[in-house]
C-alpha atoms as a PDB file:
ATOM      1  CA  MET A   1       0.000   0.000   0.000  1.00  0.00           C
ATOM      2  CA  TYR A   2       2.843   2.345   0.847  1.00  0.00           C
ATOM      3  CA  THR A   3       4.412   1.844  -2.579  1.00  0.00           C
ATOM      4  CA  VAL A   4       1.149   2.640  -4.392  1.00  0.00           C
ATOM      5  CA  ILE A   5       0.682   5.828  -2.390  1.00  0.00           C
ATOM      6  CA  SER A   6       4.285   6.852  -3.051  1.00  0.00           C
ATOM      7  CA  ILE A   7       3.793   6.390  -6.800  1.00  0.00           C
ATOM      8  CA  LEU A   8       0.603   8.475  -6.670  1.00  0.00           C
ATOM      9  CA  ILE A   9       2.481  11.235  -4.833  1.00  0.00           C
ATOM     10  CA  LEU A  10       5.167  11.197  -7.507  1.00  0.00           C
ATOM     11  CA  ILE A  11       2.630  11.406 -10.351  1.00  0.00           C
ATOM     12  CA  ALA A  12       0.688  14.213  -8.654  1.00  0.00           C
ATOM     13  CA  SER A  13       3.924  16.121  -8.033  1.00  0.00           C
ATOM     14  CA  ILE A  14       4.973  15.893 -11.676  1.00  0.00           C
ATOM     15  CA  LEU A  15       1.523  17.050 -12.821  1.00  0.00           C
ATOM     16  CA  LEU A  16       1.632  19.941 -10.366  1.00  0.00           C
ATOM     17  CA  VAL A  17       5.030  21.061 -11.669  1.00  0.00           C
ATOM     18  CA  LEU A  18       3.774  20.947 -15.255  1.00  0.00           C
ATOM     19  CA  ILE A  19       0.629  22.936 -14.444  1.00  0.00           C
ATOM     20  CA  VAL A  20       2.605  25.571 -12.562  1.00  0.00           C
ATOM     21  CA  LEU A  21       5.019  25.893 -15.477  1.00  0.00           C
ATOM     22  CA  VAL A  22       2.122  26.411 -17.906  1.00  0.00           C
ATOM     23  CA  GLN A  23       0.752  29.290 -15.849  1.00  0.00           C
ATOM     24  CA  ASN A  24       1.920  32.820 -16.448  1.00  0.00           C
ATOM     25  CA  SER A  25       2.656  34.910 -13.400  1.00  0.00           C
ATOM     26  CA  LYS A  26       0.687  37.860 -14.842  1.00  0.00           C
ATOM     27  CA  GLY A  27      -2.428  35.823 -15.534  1.00  0.00           C
ATOM     28  CA  GLY A  28      -1.883  35.129 -19.252  1.00  0.00           C
ATOM     29  CA  GLY A  29      -0.376  31.664 -19.195  1.00  0.00           C
ATOM     30  CA  LEU A  30      -1.942  29.064 -21.438  1.00  0.00           C
ATOM     31  CA  ALA A  31      -4.833  31.386 -22.291  1.00  0.00           C
ATOM     32  CA  ALA A  32      -2.476  33.964 -23.839  1.00  0.00           C
ATOM     33  CA  ASN A  33      -1.823  31.571 -26.730  1.00  0.00           C
ATOM     34  CA  PHE A  34      -5.483  31.676 -27.808  1.00  0.00           C
ATOM     35  CA  SER A  35      -6.070  34.731 -29.937  1.00  0.00           C
ATOM     36  CA  SER A  36      -9.747  34.329 -30.754  1.00  0.00           C
ATOM     37  CA  SER A  37     -12.400  34.773 -28.116  1.00  0.00           C
ATOM     38  CA  ASN A  38     -14.742  32.117 -29.533  1.00  0.00           C
ATOM     39  CA  GLN A  39     -12.648  29.190 -28.328  1.00  0.00           C
ATOM     40  CA  ILE A  40     -14.261  26.502 -26.189  1.00  0.00           C
ATOM     41  CA  MET A  41     -12.293  27.684 -23.184  1.00  0.00           C
ATOM     42  CA  GLY A  42     -11.780  31.408 -23.081  1.00  0.00           C
ATOM     43  CA  VAL A  43      -9.089  33.313 -21.209  1.00  0.00           C
ATOM     44  CA  ARG A  44     -11.065  33.405 -18.003  1.00  0.00           C
ATOM     45  CA  LYS A  45     -12.008  29.715 -18.016  1.00  0.00           C
ATOM     46  CA  THR A  46      -8.456  28.561 -18.755  1.00  0.00           C
ATOM     47  CA  THR A  47      -7.110  30.555 -15.836  1.00  0.00           C
ATOM     48  CA  ASP A  48      -9.833  29.182 -13.566  1.00  0.00           C
ATOM     49  CA  PHE A  49      -9.119  25.609 -14.694  1.00  0.00           C
ATOM     50  CA  LEU A  50      -5.371  25.956 -14.070  1.00  0.00           C
ATOM     51  CA  GLU A  51      -5.933  27.510 -10.650  1.00  0.00           C
ATOM     52  CA  LYS A  52      -8.440  24.844  -9.604  1.00  0.00           C
ATOM     53  CA  SER A  53      -6.198  22.040 -10.833  1.00  0.00           C
ATOM     54  CA  THR A  54      -3.237  23.538  -8.946  1.00  0.00           C
ATOM     55  CA  TRP A  55      -5.171  23.646  -5.680  1.00  0.00           C
ATOM     56  CA  THR A  56      -6.646  20.181  -6.259  1.00  0.00           C
ATOM     57  CA  LEU A  57      -3.252  18.597  -6.906  1.00  0.00           C
ATOM     58  CA  ALA A  58      -1.707  20.391  -3.919  1.00  0.00           C
ATOM     59  CA  GLY A  59      -4.507  19.090  -1.694  1.00  0.00           C
ATOM     60  CA  ALA A  60      -4.169  15.595  -3.129  1.00  0.00           C
ATOM     61  CA  ILE A  61      -0.428  15.593  -2.420  1.00  0.00           C
ATOM     62  CA  PHE A  62      -1.103  16.738   1.146  1.00  0.00           C
ATOM     63  CA  VAL A  63      -3.655  13.959   1.761  1.00  0.00           C
ATOM     64  CA  LEU A  64      -1.467  11.330   0.088  1.00  0.00           C
ATOM     65  CA  CYS A  65       1.509  12.335   2.240  1.00  0.00           C
ATOM     66  CA  ILE A  66      -0.559  11.860   5.400  1.00  0.00           C
ATOM     67  CA  LEU A  67      -1.745   8.469   4.135  1.00  0.00           C
ATOM     68  CA  ALA A  68       1.822   7.468   3.279  1.00  0.00           C
ATOM     69  CA  ALA A  69       2.979   8.375   6.775  1.00  0.00           C
ATOM     70  CA  ALA A  70       0.191   6.245   8.238  1.00  0.00           C
ATOM     71  CA  THR A  71       1.013   3.212   6.086  1.00  0.00           C
ATOM     72  CA  ILE A  72       4.806   3.132   6.469  1.00  0.00           C
ATOM     73  CA  PRO A  73       5.893  -0.457   7.136  1.00  0.00           C
ATOM     74  CA  ARG A  74       7.242  -0.699  10.663  1.00  0.00           C
ATOM     75  CA  HIS A  75       9.329  -3.336  12.426  1.00  0.00           C
ATOM     76  CA  GLU A  76       7.331  -5.404  14.890  1.00  0.00           C
ATOM     77  CA  VAL A  77       8.774  -5.132  18.402  1.00  0.00           C
ATOM     78  CA  ASP A  78       7.927  -7.463  21.262  1.00  0.00           C
ATOM     79  CA  PRO A  79       5.846  -5.329  23.636  1.00  0.00           C
ATOM     80  CA  ASN A  80       7.479  -6.976  26.653  1.00  0.00           C
ATOM     81  CA  LYS A  81      11.008  -5.971  25.619  1.00  0.00           C
ATOM     82  CA  SER A  82      12.496  -2.636  24.809  1.00  0.00           C
ATOM     83  CA  ALA A  83      14.945  -2.094  21.973  1.00  0.00           C
ATOM     84  CA  ILE A  84      17.773  -1.572  24.462  1.00  0.00           C
ATOM     85  CA  GLU A  85      17.086  -4.919  26.151  1.00  0.00           C
ATOM     86  CA  GLU A  86      17.209  -6.666  22.759  1.00  0.00           C
ATOM     87  CA  GLN A  87      20.569  -5.054  21.985  1.00  0.00           C
ATOM     88  CA  VAL A  88      21.982  -6.094  25.350  1.00  0.00           C
ATOM     89  CA  GLU A  89      20.864  -9.698  24.852  1.00  0.00           C
ATOM     90  CA  ASN A  90      22.287  -9.851  21.327  1.00  0.00           C
ATOM     91  CA  ALA A  91      25.600  -8.255  22.288  1.00  0.00           C
ATOM     92  CA  ALA A  92      28.767 -10.341  22.407  1.00  0.00           C
ATOM     93  CA  ASP A  93      29.945 -11.568  25.794  1.00  0.00           C
ATOM     94  CA  PRO A  94      33.032  -9.515  26.721  1.00  0.00           C
ATOM     95  CA  THR A  95      34.530 -12.340  28.787  1.00  0.00           C
ATOM     96  CA  THR A  96      34.892 -14.530  25.701  1.00  0.00           C
ATOM     97  CA  ALA A  97      36.885 -11.921  23.813  1.00  0.00           C
ATOM     98  CA  ASN A  98      40.608 -12.415  23.238  1.00  0.00           C
ATOM     99  CA  GLN A  99      42.698 -11.332  26.187  1.00  0.00           C
ATOM    100  CA  PHE A 100      45.550  -9.106  25.142  1.00  0.00           C
ATOM    101  CA  PRO A 101      48.478  -8.353  27.469  1.00  0.00           C
ATOM    102  CA  THR A 102      48.286  -4.937  29.032  1.00  0.00           C
ATOM    103  CA  THR A 103      51.895  -4.684  30.179  1.00  0.00           C
ATOM    104  CA  VAL A 104      55.046  -4.677  28.130  1.00  0.00           C
ATOM    105  CA  PRO A 105      57.472  -7.453  29.104  1.00  0.00           C
ATOM    106  CA  GLN A 106      60.766  -6.117  30.341  1.00  0.00           C
ATOM    107  CA  GLN A 107      63.814  -6.879  28.301  1.00  0.00           C
ATOM    108  CA  LYS A 108      66.874  -8.471  29.890  1.00  0.00           C
ATOM    109  CA  GLU A 109      69.947  -6.374  30.102  1.00  0.00           C
ATOM    110  CA  GLN A 110      72.466  -7.387  27.549  1.00  0.00           C
ATOM    111  CA  GLN A 111      75.789  -8.494  28.844  1.00  0.00           C
ATOM    112  CA  PRO A 112      78.633  -6.471  27.428  1.00  0.00           C
ATOM    113  CA  THR A 113      80.545  -8.307  24.828  1.00  0.00           C
ATOM    114  CA  SER A 114      84.262  -8.554  24.894  1.00  0.00           C
ATOM    115  CA  LYS A 115      84.638  -5.740  22.391  1.00  0.00           C
ATOM    116  CA  GLU A 116      82.671  -3.315  24.557  1.00  0.00           C
ATOM    117  CA  GLU A 117      84.690  -4.089  27.677  1.00  0.00           C
ATOM    118  CA  LYS A 118      87.931  -2.960  26.066  1.00  0.00           C
END
């Protein structure tokens, strides 16, 4: 379900971007390309359609985002255990770890050789 909602959000977002790009900031937009006034959709109706579709898609994206947040797949956790308790139980036992020496062994003093004595 989450995947379907995510795809719908993506499609609605792309459509919203395209509709916003078609609009003109001064109100001309797509309607400015029509020169005759006897078209099926006049200047006023085209602007109204683009504005309504912008608000509809923005609302649809908002609702779909809330639905997506509600349907996110979550990891099932045992209600009797917390996540910290699970981590502690699954952690490695420190007593079984390799024991490394913490002190440096002292070196024996070297006896002077016959060359050093002379």
